[in-house]
Protein backbone atom coordinates (compact mmCIF):
# COMPACT_ATOMS: atom_id res chain seq x y z
CA UNK A 1 0.00 0.00 0.00
CA UNK A 2 1.29 3.48 -0.92
CA UNK A 3 2.54 5.44 2.11
CA UNK A 4 1.89 9.18 2.03
CA UNK A 5 4.41 11.28 3.96
CA UNK A 6 5.08 14.94 4.59
CA UNK A 7 7.58 14.85 1.74
CA UNK A 8 5.27 13.20 -0.82
CA UNK A 9 5.44 14.94 -4.20
CA UNK A 10 1.91 15.51 -5.47
CA UNK A 11 1.04 15.86 -9.16
CA UNK A 12 -1.97 14.96 -11.24
CA UNK A 13 -4.16 15.41 -14.28
CA UNK A 14 -7.00 17.91 -14.67
CA UNK A 15 -9.84 17.50 -17.14
CA UNK A 16 -13.59 17.28 -17.50
CA UNK A 17 -14.38 14.46 -17.64
CA UNK A 18 -11.23 12.86 -16.25
CA UNK A 19 -12.49 9.49 -14.98
CA UNK A 20 -11.46 7.81 -18.23
CA UNK A 21 -7.85 9.00 -18.03
CA UNK A 22 -5.12 6.36 -17.91
CA UNK A 23 -2.53 8.91 -16.76
CA UNK A 24 -2.93 8.07 -13.02
CA UNK A 25 -2.37 4.38 -13.80
CA UNK A 26 0.77 5.12 -15.81
CA UNK A 27 2.39 7.65 -13.46
CA UNK A 28 1.62 5.76 -10.24
CA UNK A 29 2.99 2.53 -11.73
CA UNK A 30 6.24 4.36 -12.51
CA UNK A 31 6.31 5.88 -9.01
CA UNK A 32 5.89 2.47 -7.40
CA UNK A 33 8.54 0.86 -9.59
CA UNK A 34 11.03 3.67 -8.91
CA UNK A 35 10.31 3.82 -5.17
CA UNK A 36 9.62 7.55 -5.38
CA UNK A 37 7.73 9.23 -2.55
CA UNK A 38 5.09 10.65 -4.84
CA UNK A 39 1.49 10.34 -5.91
CA UNK A 40 -0.42 11.27 -9.07
CA UNK A 41 -4.13 12.00 -8.75
CA UNK A 42 -7.06 13.07 -10.99
CA UNK A 43 -8.72 16.47 -10.64
CA UNK A 44 -12.06 17.40 -12.20
CA UNK A 45 -12.67 21.11 -11.64
CA UNK A 46 -15.96 22.63 -12.76
CA UNK A 47 -15.79 23.77 -16.35
CA UNK A 48 -16.16 27.45 -15.49
CA UNK A 49 -13.83 27.38 -12.48
CA UNK A 50 -10.61 25.99 -13.94
CA UNK A 51 -8.91 29.37 -13.59
CA UNK A 52 -9.70 29.50 -9.86
CA UNK A 53 -8.55 25.90 -9.48
CA UNK A 54 -5.18 26.74 -11.05
CA UNK A 55 -4.76 29.93 -9.04
CA UNK A 56 -5.28 27.89 -5.88
CA UNK A 57 -2.29 25.72 -6.77
CA UNK A 58 0.21 28.57 -6.94
CA UNK A 59 3.11 28.09 -4.57
CA UNK A 60 3.96 24.47 -5.27
CA UNK A 61 1.97 22.44 -2.74
CA UNK A 62 1.05 20.49 -5.87
CA UNK A 63 4.15 20.21 -8.04
CA UNK A 64 2.30 20.18 -11.34
CA UNK A 65 -0.57 18.91 -13.42
CA UNK A 66 -1.17 17.51 -16.82
CA UNK A 67 -4.09 19.22 -18.52
CA UNK A 68 -6.54 17.55 -20.86
CA UNK A 69 -9.83 18.37 -22.59
CA UNK A 70 -11.29 20.99 -22.37
CA UNK A 71 -8.76 23.08 -20.45
CA UNK A 72 -5.58 23.16 -22.55
CA UNK A 73 -6.11 26.61 -24.05
CA UNK A 74 -7.20 28.14 -20.73
CA UNK A 75 -4.19 26.53 -19.03
CA UNK A 76 -1.87 28.37 -21.40
CA UNK A 77 -3.48 31.70 -20.55
CA UNK A 78 -2.91 31.07 -16.82
CA UNK A 79 0.86 30.70 -17.12
CA UNK A 80 3.49 33.29 -16.25
CA UNK A 81 6.13 31.53 -18.33
CA UNK A 82 5.43 29.62 -21.56
CA UNK A 83 7.74 27.20 -23.36
CA UNK A 84 8.18 27.45 -27.12
CA UNK A 85 6.35 24.15 -27.54
CA UNK A 86 3.31 25.46 -25.67
CA UNK A 87 3.44 28.78 -27.52
CA UNK A 88 3.57 27.08 -30.92
CA UNK A 89 0.72 24.72 -29.97
CA UNK A 90 -1.35 27.58 -28.48
CA UNK A 91 -2.18 25.15 -25.67
CA UNK A 92 -0.61 23.67 -22.56
CA UNK A 93 -0.90 20.09 -21.36
CA UNK A 94 1.59 20.65 -18.52
CA UNK A 95 1.51 23.28 -15.77
CA UNK A 96 4.29 23.43 -13.19
CA UNK A 97 3.83 25.33 -9.93
CA UNK A 98 7.06 26.84 -8.66
CA UNK A 99 7.59 27.61 -4.94
CA UNK A 100 7.73 31.35 -5.68
CA UNK A 101 4.21 31.27 -7.13
CA UNK A 102 5.21 31.21 -10.79
CA UNK A 103 3.21 28.98 -13.15
CA UNK A 104 5.15 27.50 -16.06
CA UNK A 105 3.37 26.03 -19.11
CA UNK A 106 4.66 23.38 -21.48
CA UNK A 107 3.23 21.07 -24.12
CA UNK A 108 4.46 17.50 -24.48
CA UNK A 109 1.82 16.31 -26.96
CA UNK A 110 4.20 16.79 -29.88
CA UNK A 111 6.84 14.73 -28.09
CA UNK A 112 4.24 12.02 -27.62
CA UNK A 113 3.20 12.05 -31.26
CA UNK A 114 6.74 11.87 -32.62
CA UNK A 115 7.72 9.21 -30.09
CA UNK A 116 4.71 7.07 -30.97
CA UNK A 117 5.49 7.30 -34.68
CA UNK A 118 9.09 6.25 -34.05
CA UNK A 119 8.05 3.34 -31.84
CA UNK A 120 5.24 1.88 -33.93
CA UNK A 121 6.31 2.90 -37.44
CA UNK A 122 10.09 2.34 -37.38
CA UNK A 123 11.86 3.86 -40.32
CA UNK A 124 9.22 6.50 -40.92
CA UNK A 125 10.80 9.81 -41.88
CA UNK A 126 8.93 12.98 -40.97
CA UNK A 127 10.81 14.91 -43.63
CA UNK A 128 10.09 12.43 -46.43
CA UNK A 129 6.91 14.08 -47.69
CA UNK A 130 3.61 15.82 -46.93
CA UNK A 131 1.47 14.77 -43.97
CA UNK A 132 -2.32 15.08 -43.75
CA UNK A 133 -3.80 16.09 -40.40
CA UNK A 134 -7.52 15.74 -39.68
CA UNK A 135 -8.96 18.37 -37.35
CA UNK A 136 -8.20 21.98 -36.46
CA UNK A 137 -8.54 22.07 -32.68
CA UNK A 138 -5.85 22.34 -30.03
CA UNK A 139 -4.61 18.79 -30.59
CA UNK A 140 -4.27 19.41 -34.33
CA UNK A 141 -2.38 22.68 -33.86
CA UNK A 142 0.00 21.03 -31.39
CA UNK A 143 0.58 18.16 -33.80
CA UNK A 144 1.12 20.48 -36.75
CA UNK A 145 3.63 22.57 -34.81
CA UNK A 146 5.57 19.47 -33.77
CA UNK A 147 5.59 18.07 -37.30
CA UNK A 148 6.84 21.34 -38.80
CA UNK A 149 9.56 21.62 -36.16
CA UNK A 150 10.59 18.01 -36.89
CA UNK A 151 11.04 18.82 -40.57
CA UNK A 152 7.78 17.94 -42.32
CA UNK A 153 7.91 19.75 -45.70
CA UNK A 154 4.13 20.27 -45.73
CA UNK A 155 1.28 19.66 -43.29
CA UNK A 156 -2.18 19.59 -44.86
CA UNK A 157 -4.83 20.41 -42.25
CA UNK A 158 -8.27 19.15 -43.23
CA UNK A 159 -11.35 20.30 -41.35
CA UNK A 160 -15.08 20.49 -42.00
CA UNK A 161 -14.96 24.20 -41.15
CA UNK A 162 -12.29 25.59 -43.45
CA UNK A 163 -11.95 28.84 -41.49
CA UNK A 164 -10.66 26.93 -38.46
CA UNK A 165 -8.05 25.14 -40.56
CA UNK A 166 -7.05 28.46 -42.10
CA UNK A 167 -6.62 29.97 -38.64
CA UNK A 168 -4.19 27.20 -37.65
CA UNK A 169 -2.31 27.45 -40.92
CA UNK A 170 -2.08 31.23 -40.57
CA UNK A 171 -0.73 30.97 -37.03
CA UNK A 172 1.94 28.41 -37.91
CA UNK A 173 3.00 29.90 -41.22
CA UNK A 174 4.92 28.31 -44.07
CA UNK A 175 4.57 24.63 -44.69
CA UNK A 176 1.04 24.39 -43.25
CA UNK A 177 -1.84 24.32 -45.72
CA UNK A 178 -5.57 24.49 -44.94
CA UNK A 179 -8.02 22.29 -46.82
CA UNK A 180 -11.73 21.55 -46.46
CA UNK A 181 -12.46 17.95 -45.46
CA UNK A 182 -14.17 17.51 -48.81
CA UNK A 183 -10.76 17.97 -50.46
CA UNK A 184 -9.39 14.81 -48.83
CA UNK A 185 -9.24 12.84 -52.14
CA UNK A 186 -6.76 15.39 -53.48
CA UNK A 187 -5.01 16.13 -50.16
CA UNK A 188 -4.30 12.44 -49.48
CA UNK A 189 -2.37 11.99 -52.70
CA UNK A 190 1.32 11.43 -52.08
CA UNK A 191 1.16 11.78 -48.29
CA UNK A 192 3.54 9.85 -46.07
CA UNK A 193 1.09 9.84 -43.15
CA UNK A 194 -2.48 10.66 -42.13
CA UNK A 195 -3.14 11.63 -38.51
CA UNK A 196 -6.55 11.90 -36.85
CA UNK A 197 -6.46 14.77 -34.33
CA UNK A 198 -10.25 14.83 -33.81
CA UNK A 199 -12.32 13.02 -31.18
CA UNK A 200 -14.19 11.03 -33.84
CA UNK A 201 -14.09 7.38 -32.82
CA UNK A 202 -13.74 8.10 -29.10
CA UNK A 203 -15.46 5.26 -27.21
CA UNK A 204 -16.86 4.09 -30.54
CA UNK A 205 -18.81 7.29 -31.13
CA UNK A 206 -18.78 8.80 -34.60
CA UNK A 207 -16.64 7.84 -37.55
CA UNK A 208 -14.40 9.63 -39.99
CA UNK A 209 -15.33 9.55 -43.65
CA UNK A 210 -11.75 9.54 -44.87
CA UNK A 211 -10.72 7.97 -48.22
CA UNK A 212 -7.63 6.22 -46.89
CA UNK A 213 -7.63 3.99 -49.95
CA UNK A 214 -6.31 7.00 -51.88
CA UNK A 215 -3.14 7.22 -49.77
CA UNK A 216 0.06 5.54 -50.94
CA UNK A 217 0.42 1.94 -49.75
CA UNK A 218 3.46 3.03 -47.74
CA UNK A 219 1.54 5.70 -45.80
CA UNK A 220 1.35 5.50 -42.00
CA UNK A 221 -2.03 6.13 -40.34
CA UNK A 222 -2.29 7.38 -36.77
CA UNK A 223 -5.24 8.05 -34.45
CA UNK A 224 -4.81 10.10 -31.27
CA UNK A 225 -7.89 8.40 -29.77
CA UNK A 226 -6.98 5.42 -27.56
CA UNK A 227 -10.39 4.25 -26.36
CA UNK A 228 -11.06 2.01 -28.15
CA UNK A 229 -7.48 1.19 -29.02
CA UNK A 230 -8.46 0.01 -32.50
CA UNK A 231 -10.72 2.80 -33.70
CA UNK A 232 -12.81 2.42 -36.87
CA UNK A 233 -10.28 4.77 -38.50
CA UNK A 234 -7.34 2.50 -37.66
CA UNK A 235 -9.35 -0.61 -38.56
CA UNK A 236 -9.97 0.86 -42.01
CA UNK A 237 -6.25 1.56 -42.36
CA UNK A 238 -5.26 -1.94 -41.29
CA UNK A 239 -7.74 -3.49 -43.71
CA UNK A 240 -6.01 -1.52 -46.47
CA UNK A 241 -2.61 -2.82 -45.36
CA UNK A 242 -1.37 0.51 -43.99
CA UNK A 243 0.94 0.66 -40.97
CA UNK A 244 -0.84 2.14 -37.97
CA UNK A 245 0.06 4.06 -34.81
CA UNK A 246 -2.37 4.20 -31.87
CA UNK A 247 -3.24 6.90 -29.36
CA UNK A 248 -2.18 4.86 -26.34
CA UNK A 249 1.44 4.94 -27.48
CA UNK A 250 1.19 8.72 -27.85
CA UNK A 251 -0.28 9.02 -24.34
CA UNK A 252 2.59 7.02 -22.85
CA UNK A 253 5.28 8.88 -24.80
CA UNK A 254 3.95 12.32 -23.79
CA UNK A 255 3.80 11.19 -20.16
CA UNK A 256 7.57 10.59 -20.00
CA UNK A 257 8.71 14.26 -20.05
CA UNK A 258 5.80 15.16 -17.73
CA UNK A 259 6.98 12.58 -15.19
CA UNK A 260 10.55 13.88 -15.44
CA UNK A 261 9.34 17.43 -14.81
CA UNK A 262 7.14 16.53 -11.83
CA UNK A 263 9.37 14.00 -10.08
CA UNK A 264 12.88 14.85 -11.28
CA UNK A 265 13.67 11.40 -12.63
CA UNK A 266 13.28 9.42 -15.84
CA UNK A 267 10.55 6.77 -15.55
CA UNK A 268 11.87 3.29 -14.75
CA UNK A 269 11.78 0.47 -17.27
CA UNK A 270 8.24 -0.86 -16.93
CA UNK A 271 5.69 -2.14 -19.44
CA UNK A 272 3.00 0.42 -18.65
CA UNK A 273 1.42 -0.28 -22.04
CA UNK A 274 0.55 -3.79 -20.88
CA UNK A 275 -1.00 -2.36 -17.71
CA UNK A 276 -3.06 0.10 -19.76
CA UNK A 277 -4.18 -2.58 -22.19
CA UNK A 278 -5.38 -4.63 -19.25
CA UNK A 279 -7.58 -1.76 -18.10
CA UNK A 280 -8.84 -1.17 -21.63
CA UNK A 281 -9.62 -4.86 -21.99
CA UNK A 282 -7.38 -5.12 -25.04
CA UNK A 283 -4.78 -7.70 -25.97
CA UNK A 284 -1.14 -6.75 -26.39
């Protein structure tokens, strides 16, 4: 049984809803394996009181929090110091509370995306060609920023509402192109990867009408959704023989730098993916 002491380092994840989050499972498993006097807990502040919740954490009694839907943009606005990654993404998924009252914002979603691609699609080269990105919300902007920084020659953002895609493209500048979702048949031509940055497919709800059959046979297909692990989008890709990357791997990869920030150590070697799959009721 975990022993809480006066020196226990407290961190957590804030979202609404947050009950589905696998982050507490992942971080607490690492804490146990490393023998760190720490705990990682879920927080579910009221949707209109997130700012007050964050203000109440100034001073470092809680070392930091990961931030998930729908608070990432608000989290960024609460910070006194903002990393380049968070600035480029226009959202923060990490807030750190310094003892002097300063709040520092970061974004590790891009790290998670790139790490997942490297782990599950070995040999994939970000710089090898254009990448199609579905969605124009905070997750899409963070992904686009990370892809551009990693050397993608072109990121094609497809969204039902073109104005939203144009806003992301305008904010990130050269190399990012906005397209209506109806232009997918043309936008998918010659891509090296297609990434779903929308919530379509979450818990089996909704599907994406994406013509993946028009992508090159060598294209990699990724879905940021991890519940279910095999979304209809990824199932379509697998049926077409495309390599796939799942959202669980991204979640785990983005958690690594968060853990290092909160607890001051690299996570120990531990198969947290197997633990997460057990909770999801999925096979390895």
